[in-house]
Protein backbone atom coordinates (compact mmCIF):
# COMPACT_ATOMS: atom_id res chain seq x y z
CA MET A 1 163.62 18.59 104.41
CA GLN A 2 160.60 20.44 105.80
CA GLN A 3 162.82 22.47 108.10
CA THR A 4 165.00 23.46 105.17
CA MET A 5 161.96 24.57 103.17
CA PHE A 6 160.68 26.64 106.09
CA VAL A 7 164.03 28.36 106.55
CA MET A 8 164.35 29.05 102.81
CA VAL A 9 160.87 30.62 102.68
CA PHE A 10 161.94 32.96 105.48
CA PHE A 11 165.15 33.95 103.67
CA ILE A 12 163.42 34.41 100.32
CA LEU A 13 160.79 36.62 101.96
CA VAL A 14 163.49 38.78 103.58
CA PHE A 15 165.47 38.98 100.31
CA MET A 16 162.37 40.09 98.36
CA LEU A 17 161.39 42.70 100.93
CA MET A 18 164.93 44.09 101.07
CA SER A 19 165.52 44.05 97.30
CA GLY A 20 163.52 47.16 96.49
CA LEU A 21 160.92 45.27 94.47
CA LEU A 22 157.98 45.98 96.78
CA THR A 23 159.29 48.97 98.73
CA PRO A 24 161.67 51.62 97.41
CA ILE A 25 165.09 51.37 99.03
CA SER A 26 165.17 55.14 99.53
CA SER A 27 162.17 54.90 101.87
CA MET A 28 163.87 52.32 104.11
CA PRO A 29 165.70 53.31 107.31
CA GLU A 30 169.44 53.96 107.02
CA TRP A 31 170.41 50.64 108.64
CA ALA A 32 168.20 48.73 106.19
CA GLN A 33 169.66 50.59 103.20
CA VAL A 34 173.14 49.47 104.27
CA ILE A 35 172.00 45.84 104.49
CA THR A 36 170.56 45.96 100.96
CA TRP A 37 174.08 46.38 99.53
CA LEU A 38 174.69 42.74 100.54
CA ASN A 39 171.47 41.51 98.92
CA PRO A 40 172.01 40.07 95.40
CA PRO A 41 168.37 40.52 94.23
CA ARG A 42 168.79 44.29 94.71
CA TYR A 43 171.17 44.43 91.76
CA PHE A 44 168.88 42.31 89.60
CA ILE A 45 165.92 44.60 90.31
CA GLU A 46 168.03 47.68 89.48
CA MET A 47 169.12 46.12 86.18
CA MET A 48 165.57 45.16 85.24
CA ARG A 49 164.31 48.67 85.96
CA GLY A 50 167.10 50.13 83.85
CA VAL A 51 166.17 48.12 80.74
CA GLU A 52 164.12 50.07 78.23
CA VAL A 53 161.64 48.15 76.12
CA TYR A 54 160.94 49.35 72.62
CA GLY A 55 157.79 48.06 71.00
């Protein structure tokens, strides 16, 4: 169970770094931009940035 948690922390960290949340995808190298197309959180971040909030 501890090994599984360690591996999942690694994957979650990579997914967050490659999603565009902390670093813009346009500033990543070309090979990293291609990999982000396979990353599901990328699409969630794009949708959340596209939502306009009216107050």
